[in-house]
Amino acid sequence: MENSAFRRAALMQFLFYFALAAGANYFTLYYRGLLVDGEGNPHYRIIGVLLMVQSVPAFLSPLAAGYVADRFQINNRLISLCSVLTALGTGLIILPGLAPFHSLSPASKLGLIFPGAVIGQFFIRPLTPLIDTGSLKALEEKEGHGDNYGRIRFLGSIGWIISCLIMGVWLDFSGRLVDAILVYALFYLVLALVSAGGFATEVKKVDLSWKYLLEDRILRVLFVIAVVRMIGFGMAFQFTGVYLSELNLSYTQMGMAFGLAAAMEVPFFFIGNRLLGRWGSKTLIMSEFLIQTLRFALFFFFSRVQNASFYIVVQMLTGMGVVLHVTGMIPLLNRIAPPHLKASYQTLYTVALALASIFNGLLAALIVDSLGTRALMGICGLVMTGAFLYTGLRLKLDFSLPAEGA
């Protein structure tokens, strides 16, 4: 039972990030090709509003999913349901990119994209914390603790790498960005099927106490850290594809940039427990902010370099930063959470990300429309510097828990 749960959790990590990489890296480019004015210029402000509005209802879905998962102990059922509805919402986004719908006006295309984006974002938001909660539970059943989270999360990075490389080559061959969105939807349906194999035989109702959420000072600080980080990281993520396309990188080269970034994660996930034991969560989280600041500084100051390899290497810093953040943050949330609120703590972290996402898409679009993608990268670097300073000053891990990495 323990081994089957562990294997299922590992496969879900792989499928989730395979699907995410197939579409998430290209949504803004896809919208840019569909939402244009009469002269063929992208409606960046409309794209920004779309990115903002789709995130407003998604702000609530992780919190609701975490409560239901903890209350009724139906983590896998929720993963399956959210995966199916993510795929169905994405189906509406796909339609304007198909040949029969090419003649639609930008307004009509937006009429299809808008509800699809809202539905898709609402149901994809809870998936990361729900899958992480299941992974941590499987690890605790197998090893007695969840500090080796990286040993299961690395499969998500493998899925991301494979997906990025395949989609980059395929998009150069086909020239159809809609193909990336199709693969995105298809693999979320596959994820739903895999999750369905782990349904509990009975639904249990558990009484929950919320006083921990109200009194947990560390959780409040982590919430702020997550919001500030996601403003900087999220703005850049939405427009990195646009930035690279303006530098004339091909889709294959973009796929290499996105994929090799995740390749940096794999070895670090394997030694994540040792890093956690030696440095602790706070140092790992702060290290990511320094690395991301360096990445954005290189993008800002060296935007005229005529060498795709340079930008691929710089983008690899993303993965190094992300793995340090995740290795520090996810086990920390699991450690401070009461046993009956494991999913709620993970989803509250995602609520913080969703809160930042309400603003970062529109803000990034306005910056790009007014100042360009290079300026956006510089501003993201400043935000990451602020996150570093806030974490250093406010995150005090002086609570009475077993030593990190033990």
Protein backbone atom coordinates (compact mmCIF):
# COMPACT_ATOMS: atom_id res chain seq x y z
CA MET A 1 0.00 0.00 0.00
CA GLU A 2 2.78 2.41 0.97
CA ASN A 3 4.79 1.64 -2.18
CA SER A 4 1.76 1.99 -4.47
CA ALA A 5 0.90 5.37 -2.92
CA PHE A 6 4.52 6.46 -3.33
CA ARG A 7 4.62 5.38 -7.00
CA ARG A 8 1.31 7.09 -7.71
CA ALA A 9 2.48 10.32 -6.08
CA ALA A 10 5.69 10.22 -8.12
CA LEU A 11 3.77 9.66 -11.36
CA MET A 12 1.41 12.52 -10.54
CA GLN A 13 4.37 14.85 -10.01
CA PHE A 14 5.70 13.83 -13.45
CA LEU A 15 2.37 14.26 -15.24
CA PHE A 16 1.49 17.56 -13.58
CA TYR A 17 4.73 19.25 -14.58
CA PHE A 18 4.81 17.63 -18.03
CA ALA A 19 1.39 19.13 -18.72
CA LEU A 20 2.25 22.48 -17.14
CA ALA A 21 5.45 22.89 -19.17
CA ALA A 22 3.67 22.05 -22.42
CA GLY A 23 1.28 24.98 -22.13
CA ALA A 24 2.27 27.44 -19.41
CA ASN A 25 5.43 28.58 -21.21
CA TYR A 26 3.43 29.51 -24.31
CA PHE A 27 0.06 30.89 -23.18
CA THR A 28 1.13 34.55 -23.45
CA LEU A 29 2.68 33.96 -26.89
CA TYR A 30 -0.52 32.15 -27.92
CA TYR A 31 -2.68 35.06 -26.75
CA ARG A 32 -0.35 37.53 -28.47
CA GLY A 33 -0.99 35.83 -31.80
CA LEU A 34 -4.78 35.77 -31.39
CA LEU A 35 -5.56 39.09 -29.73
CA VAL A 36 -4.30 41.69 -32.22
CA ASP A 37 -5.55 44.99 -33.61
CA GLY A 38 -6.27 45.76 -37.26
CA GLU A 39 -2.58 46.35 -37.95
CA GLY A 40 -1.49 43.09 -36.36
CA ASN A 41 -0.17 44.63 -33.13
CA PRO A 42 -0.74 42.60 -29.94
CA HIS A 43 -3.29 43.90 -27.44
CA TYR A 44 -0.94 43.65 -24.47
CA ARG A 45 -3.28 45.58 -22.19
CA ILE A 46 -6.15 43.21 -22.98
CA ILE A 47 -3.84 40.25 -22.37
CA GLY A 48 -2.86 41.82 -19.05
CA VAL A 49 -6.49 42.27 -18.01
CA LEU A 50 -7.16 38.66 -18.99
CA LEU A 51 -4.24 37.44 -16.86
CA MET A 52 -5.53 39.49 -13.94
CA VAL A 53 -9.20 38.55 -14.17
CA GLN A 54 -8.47 34.83 -14.53
CA SER A 55 -6.56 34.98 -11.24
CA VAL A 56 -9.29 36.67 -9.15
CA PRO A 57 -11.59 33.66 -8.63
CA ALA A 58 -8.52 31.37 -8.56
CA PHE A 59 -7.50 33.17 -5.38
CA LEU A 60 -10.18 31.27 -3.47
CA SER A 61 -9.97 27.79 -4.97
CA PRO A 62 -6.81 26.54 -3.16
CA LEU A 63 -8.24 27.56 0.22
CA ALA A 64 -11.52 25.78 -0.49
CA ALA A 65 -9.73 22.69 -1.81
CA GLY A 66 -7.42 22.53 1.21
CA TYR A 67 -10.36 22.73 3.61
CA VAL A 68 -12.33 20.01 1.80
CA ALA A 69 -9.24 17.78 1.49
CA ASP A 70 -8.51 18.00 5.23
CA ARG A 71 -12.15 17.87 6.30
CA PHE A 72 -13.09 14.75 4.31
CA GLN A 73 -9.65 13.24 3.56
CA ILE A 74 -10.32 13.12 -0.21
CA ASN A 75 -7.06 14.49 -1.59
CA ASN A 76 -6.93 12.23 -4.67
CA ARG A 77 -10.59 12.78 -5.52
CA LEU A 78 -9.99 16.52 -5.60
CA ILE A 79 -6.87 16.11 -7.78
CA SER A 80 -8.91 14.09 -10.28
CA LEU A 81 -11.82 16.54 -10.32
CA CYS A 82 -9.60 19.63 -10.65
CA SER A 83 -7.56 18.01 -13.44
CA VAL A 84 -10.65 17.19 -15.51
CA LEU A 85 -12.12 20.68 -15.11
CA THR A 86 -8.75 22.30 -15.92
CA ALA A 87 -8.70 20.35 -19.18
CA LEU A 88 -12.31 21.28 -20.01
CA GLY A 89 -11.68 24.99 -19.36
CA THR A 90 -8.57 24.85 -21.52
CA GLY A 91 -10.70 23.38 -24.31
CA LEU A 92 -12.40 26.77 -24.71
CA ILE A 93 -8.98 28.46 -24.99
CA ILE A 94 -7.99 25.98 -27.69
CA LEU A 95 -10.96 26.66 -29.97
CA PRO A 96 -9.84 30.09 -31.34
CA GLY A 97 -6.52 28.52 -32.36
CA LEU A 98 -8.16 25.85 -34.54
CA ALA A 99 -8.62 26.39 -38.27
CA PRO A 100 -12.47 26.61 -38.27
CA PHE A 101 -12.28 29.55 -35.84
CA HIS A 102 -9.44 31.55 -37.42
CA SER A 103 -11.88 33.99 -39.07
CA LEU A 104 -13.39 35.08 -35.75
CA SER A 105 -12.84 38.67 -34.68
CA PRO A 106 -10.48 39.32 -31.73
CA ALA A 107 -13.56 40.11 -29.61
CA SER A 108 -15.14 36.75 -30.46
CA LYS A 109 -11.89 34.94 -29.77
CA LEU A 110 -11.66 36.70 -26.42
CA GLY A 111 -15.24 35.57 -25.74
CA LEU A 112 -14.03 31.97 -25.91
CA ILE A 113 -10.67 32.47 -24.23
CA PHE A 114 -11.98 34.46 -21.27
CA PRO A 115 -14.31 31.86 -19.65
CA GLY A 116 -11.85 29.09 -20.49
CA ALA A 117 -9.00 30.94 -18.78
CA VAL A 118 -11.10 31.65 -15.68
CA ILE A 119 -12.26 28.04 -15.37
CA GLY A 120 -8.80 26.64 -16.11
CA GLN A 121 -7.02 28.85 -13.57
CA PHE A 122 -9.65 28.25 -10.90
CA PHE A 123 -9.16 24.48 -11.00
CA ILE A 124 -5.43 24.27 -11.70
CA ARG A 125 -4.49 26.39 -8.68
CA PRO A 126 -5.24 23.72 -6.05
CA LEU A 127 -3.37 20.98 -7.93
CA THR A 128 0.17 21.84 -6.80
CA PRO A 129 -0.58 21.87 -3.03
CA LEU A 130 -2.85 18.83 -3.29
CA ILE A 131 -0.21 16.81 -5.15
CA ASP A 132 2.49 18.02 -2.74
CA THR A 133 0.32 17.04 0.23
CA GLY A 134 -0.13 13.56 -1.23
CA SER A 135 3.60 13.29 -1.92
CA LEU A 136 4.52 14.32 1.63
CA LYS A 137 1.99 11.88 3.08
CA ALA A 138 3.41 9.05 0.95
CA LEU A 139 6.92 9.93 2.12
CA GLU A 140 5.87 10.03 5.77
CA GLU A 141 4.23 6.61 5.43
CA LYS A 142 7.33 5.22 3.74
CA GLU A 143 10.16 6.94 5.67
CA GLY A 144 8.56 8.48 8.76
CA HIS A 145 9.09 12.10 7.64
CA GLY A 146 8.72 14.31 4.57
CA ASP A 147 12.16 15.93 4.49
CA ASN A 148 13.16 13.87 1.44
CA TYR A 149 10.50 15.68 -0.59
CA GLY A 150 13.05 16.30 -3.36
CA ARG A 151 13.39 12.56 -3.97
CA ILE A 152 9.83 12.53 -5.30
CA ARG A 153 9.56 16.09 -6.62
CA PHE A 154 12.52 15.60 -8.99
CA LEU A 155 10.22 13.55 -11.24
CA GLY A 156 8.22 16.71 -11.81
CA SER A 157 11.41 18.35 -13.07
CA ILE A 158 12.04 15.38 -15.38
CA GLY A 159 8.52 15.77 -16.76
CA TRP A 160 9.07 19.49 -17.27
CA ILE A 161 12.39 18.92 -19.11
CA ILE A 162 11.01 16.28 -21.46
CA SER A 163 7.91 18.34 -22.22
CA CYS A 164 9.85 21.55 -22.89
CA LEU A 165 12.29 19.87 -25.28
CA ILE A 166 9.60 17.96 -27.18
CA MET A 167 7.27 20.95 -27.49
CA GLY A 168 10.07 23.30 -28.57
CA VAL A 169 11.09 21.03 -31.45
CA TRP A 170 7.47 20.29 -32.38
CA LEU A 171 6.43 23.96 -32.45
CA ASP A 172 9.32 24.80 -34.76
CA PHE A 173 8.13 21.99 -37.02
CA SER A 174 4.39 22.72 -36.94
CA GLY A 175 4.35 26.47 -36.27
CA ARG A 176 1.07 26.02 -34.38
CA LEU A 177 1.13 27.30 -30.81
CA VAL A 178 -2.29 25.75 -30.27
CA ASP A 179 -0.58 22.33 -30.26
CA ALA A 180 1.13 23.22 -26.97
CA ILE A 181 -2.23 24.07 -25.39
CA LEU A 182 -3.73 20.82 -26.70
CA VAL A 183 -0.98 18.75 -25.06
CA TYR A 184 -1.49 20.75 -21.86
CA ALA A 185 -5.18 19.79 -21.72
CA LEU A 186 -4.60 16.17 -22.74
CA PHE A 187 -2.08 15.43 -20.00
CA TYR A 188 -4.30 16.90 -17.32
CA LEU A 189 -6.89 14.33 -18.36
CA VAL A 190 -4.22 11.64 -17.99
CA LEU A 191 -3.41 13.02 -14.52
CA ALA A 192 -7.09 12.72 -13.59
CA LEU A 193 -7.08 9.03 -14.55
CA VAL A 194 -3.93 8.30 -12.53
CA SER A 195 -5.27 10.11 -9.47
CA ALA A 196 -8.55 8.20 -9.72
CA GLY A 197 -6.63 5.00 -8.97
CA GLY A 198 -5.85 6.30 -5.48
CA PHE A 199 -9.36 7.02 -4.23
CA ALA A 200 -9.91 6.06 -0.60
CA THR A 201 -12.48 3.30 -0.05
CA GLU A 202 -14.44 5.55 2.30
CA VAL A 203 -14.77 9.26 2.97
CA LYS A 204 -13.81 10.29 6.51
CA LYS A 205 -15.04 13.46 8.17
CA VAL A 206 -12.44 15.13 10.40
CA ASP A 207 -13.11 17.98 12.84
CA LEU A 208 -10.82 20.91 12.11
CA SER A 209 -9.52 23.62 14.44
CA TRP A 210 -8.55 26.89 12.74
CA LYS A 211 -6.93 28.57 15.73
CA TYR A 212 -3.52 27.44 14.44
CA LEU A 213 -3.98 29.42 11.25
CA LEU A 214 -4.87 32.56 13.17
CA GLU A 215 -2.04 32.28 15.70
CA ASP A 216 0.81 30.97 13.51
CA ARG A 217 3.26 33.87 13.15
CA ILE A 218 5.62 31.90 10.93
CA LEU A 219 2.79 31.10 8.51
CA ARG A 220 1.92 34.81 8.26
CA VAL A 221 5.52 35.69 7.41
CA LEU A 222 5.74 32.89 4.84
CA PHE A 223 2.51 34.18 3.30
CA VAL A 224 4.03 37.62 2.75
CA ILE A 225 7.24 36.09 1.39
CA ALA A 226 5.21 34.04 -1.08
CA VAL A 227 3.25 37.10 -2.28
CA VAL A 228 6.33 39.27 -2.84
CA ARG A 229 8.23 36.43 -4.52
CA MET A 230 5.36 35.65 -6.87
CA ILE A 231 5.00 39.27 -7.94
CA GLY A 232 8.58 39.29 -9.20
CA PHE A 233 8.83 35.69 -10.35
CA GLY A 234 5.33 35.60 -11.84
CA MET A 235 5.67 38.80 -13.87
CA ALA A 236 8.83 37.44 -15.47
CA PHE A 237 7.34 33.98 -16.02
CA GLN A 238 4.38 35.40 -17.95
CA PHE A 239 6.64 37.24 -20.39
CA THR A 240 9.90 35.28 -20.58
CA GLY A 241 8.69 33.66 -23.79
CA VAL A 242 7.94 37.09 -25.25
CA TYR A 243 11.36 38.37 -24.12
CA LEU A 244 13.14 35.44 -25.77
CA SER A 245 11.07 35.71 -28.96
CA GLU A 246 12.03 39.39 -29.27
CA LEU A 247 15.66 38.21 -29.15
CA ASN A 248 14.83 35.95 -32.13
CA LEU A 249 15.20 32.65 -30.33
CA SER A 250 13.43 29.79 -32.10
CA TYR A 251 10.85 27.62 -30.35
CA THR A 252 13.45 24.84 -30.13
CA GLN A 253 15.86 27.23 -28.40
CA MET A 254 13.08 28.43 -26.08
CA GLY A 255 12.26 24.82 -25.26
CA MET A 256 15.92 24.23 -24.43
CA ALA A 257 15.97 27.34 -22.22
CA PHE A 258 12.85 26.29 -20.30
CA GLY A 259 13.82 22.60 -20.18
CA LEU A 260 17.45 22.96 -19.16
CA ALA A 261 16.38 25.33 -16.39
CA ALA A 262 14.54 22.40 -14.84
CA ALA A 263 17.57 20.15 -15.43
CA MET A 264 19.35 22.21 -12.77
CA GLU A 265 16.70 21.11 -10.29
CA VAL A 266 17.27 17.36 -10.51
CA PRO A 267 20.65 16.98 -8.74
CA PHE A 268 19.66 19.55 -6.09
CA PHE A 269 16.45 17.66 -5.32
CA PHE A 270 18.50 14.52 -4.66
CA ILE A 271 20.66 16.30 -2.10
CA GLY A 272 17.84 18.50 -0.81
CA ASN A 273 17.64 16.79 2.57
CA ARG A 274 21.36 17.37 3.17
CA LEU A 275 21.05 21.01 2.11
CA LEU A 276 18.10 21.42 4.44
CA GLY A 277 20.02 19.89 7.33
CA ARG A 278 23.15 21.98 6.73
CA TRP A 279 21.67 25.37 5.84
CA GLY A 280 18.05 25.29 7.04
CA SER A 281 14.91 26.54 5.33
CA LYS A 282 15.59 30.25 5.77
CA THR A 283 18.99 30.17 4.04
CA LEU A 284 17.62 28.09 1.16
CA ILE A 285 14.69 30.48 0.63
CA MET A 286 16.97 33.54 0.73
CA SER A 287 19.45 31.89 -1.64
CA GLU A 288 16.77 31.65 -4.29
CA PHE A 289 16.12 35.38 -4.16
CA LEU A 290 19.83 36.10 -4.75
CA ILE A 291 19.96 33.71 -7.70
CA GLN A 292 16.79 35.11 -9.30
CA THR A 293 18.09 38.66 -8.82
CA LEU A 294 21.27 37.65 -10.67
CA ARG A 295 19.21 36.12 -13.50
CA PHE A 296 17.13 39.25 -13.98
CA ALA A 297 20.22 41.47 -13.80
CA LEU A 298 21.86 39.47 -16.59
CA PHE A 299 18.70 39.67 -18.71
CA PHE A 300 18.54 43.43 -18.13
CA PHE A 301 22.18 44.40 -18.66
CA PHE A 302 23.03 41.95 -21.46
CA SER A 303 19.89 42.08 -23.60
CA ARG A 304 21.89 42.91 -26.74
CA VAL A 305 23.99 39.74 -26.73
CA GLN A 306 23.48 38.00 -30.08
CA ASN A 307 23.97 34.48 -28.78
CA ALA A 308 21.09 32.16 -27.92
CA SER A 309 23.36 30.00 -25.76
CA PHE A 310 23.89 32.92 -23.39
CA TYR A 311 20.17 33.27 -22.69
CA ILE A 312 19.73 29.51 -22.34
CA VAL A 313 22.47 29.43 -19.70
CA VAL A 314 21.04 32.45 -17.85
CA GLN A 315 17.58 30.88 -17.83
CA MET A 316 19.10 27.81 -16.15
CA LEU A 317 19.50 29.95 -13.02
CA THR A 318 15.70 29.79 -12.72
CA GLY A 319 15.78 26.08 -11.93
CA MET A 320 18.60 26.44 -9.43
CA GLY A 321 16.63 29.10 -7.58
CA VAL A 322 13.31 27.26 -7.70
CA VAL A 323 14.75 24.03 -6.30
CA LEU A 324 16.29 25.87 -3.34
CA HIS A 325 13.01 27.66 -2.64
CA VAL A 326 10.91 24.51 -2.87
CA THR A 327 13.37 22.46 -0.81
CA GLY A 328 13.23 25.08 1.93
CA MET A 329 9.55 26.04 1.76
CA ILE A 330 7.49 22.87 1.23
CA PRO A 331 8.99 20.74 4.06
CA LEU A 332 8.88 23.81 6.32
CA LEU A 333 5.14 24.21 5.74
CA ASN A 334 4.69 20.51 6.40
CA ARG A 335 6.67 20.78 9.67
CA ILE A 336 4.77 23.72 11.12
CA ALA A 337 1.33 22.39 10.11
CA PRO A 338 -0.77 20.52 12.68
CA PRO A 339 -1.49 16.93 11.60
CA HIS A 340 -5.10 17.71 10.67
CA LEU A 341 -4.22 20.80 8.58
CA LYS A 342 -1.47 19.53 6.28
CA ALA A 343 -3.36 20.27 3.05
CA SER A 344 -4.62 23.62 4.37
CA TYR A 345 -1.09 24.86 5.07
CA GLN A 346 0.11 23.85 1.61
CA THR A 347 -2.93 25.43 -0.05
CA LEU A 348 -2.58 28.65 1.96
CA TYR A 349 0.86 29.03 0.43
CA THR A 350 -0.78 28.65 -2.99
CA VAL A 351 -3.41 31.23 -1.98
CA ALA A 352 -0.53 33.67 -1.46
CA LEU A 353 0.75 32.88 -4.96
CA ALA A 354 -2.75 33.33 -6.38
CA LEU A 355 -3.11 36.68 -4.62
CA ALA A 356 0.06 37.93 -6.27
CA SER A 357 -1.07 36.54 -9.62
CA ILE A 358 -4.11 38.78 -9.57
CA PHE A 359 -1.81 41.74 -10.06
CA ASN A 360 1.37 40.46 -11.70
CA GLY A 361 -0.11 39.63 -15.11
CA LEU A 362 -1.69 43.06 -15.63
CA LEU A 363 1.27 44.87 -14.08
CA ALA A 364 3.71 42.99 -16.29
CA ALA A 365 1.63 43.70 -19.40
CA LEU A 366 1.51 47.42 -18.60
CA ILE A 367 5.27 47.50 -18.06
CA VAL A 368 5.93 45.63 -21.32
CA ASP A 369 3.50 47.85 -23.24
CA SER A 370 5.12 51.04 -21.89
CA LEU A 371 8.77 50.14 -21.31
CA GLY A 372 9.41 46.76 -22.94
CA THR A 373 10.40 43.31 -21.72
CA ARG A 374 13.95 44.37 -20.80
CA ALA A 375 12.63 46.88 -18.27
CA LEU A 376 10.30 44.21 -16.90
CA MET A 377 13.28 41.97 -16.14
CA GLY A 378 15.02 44.80 -14.30
CA ILE A 379 11.96 45.53 -12.18
CA CYS A 380 11.56 41.84 -11.34
CA GLY A 381 15.14 41.85 -10.08
CA LEU A 382 14.34 44.73 -7.73
CA VAL A 383 11.30 42.88 -6.38
CA MET A 384 13.44 39.80 -5.68
CA THR A 385 15.93 41.96 -3.82
CA GLY A 386 13.08 43.23 -1.65
CA ALA A 387 11.97 39.65 -0.96
CA PHE A 388 15.52 38.79 0.13
CA LEU A 389 15.65 41.69 2.59
CA TYR A 390 12.18 40.98 4.01
CA THR A 391 12.98 37.29 4.56
CA GLY A 392 16.24 38.10 6.30
CA LEU A 393 14.56 40.54 8.67
CA ARG A 394 11.23 38.84 9.39
CA LEU A 395 11.59 35.05 9.14
CA LYS A 396 12.58 33.78 12.60
CA LEU A 397 12.66 29.99 12.80
CA ASP A 398 12.95 29.73 16.55
CA PHE A 399 10.01 27.36 17.04
CA SER A 400 10.26 24.16 19.04
CA LEU A 401 10.43 21.42 16.42
CA PRO A 402 12.85 18.64 15.55
CA ALA A 403 16.02 19.91 13.87
CA GLU A 404 15.57 20.57 10.16
CA GLY A 405 16.90 17.79 8.00
CA ALA A 406 16.89 15.33 10.90
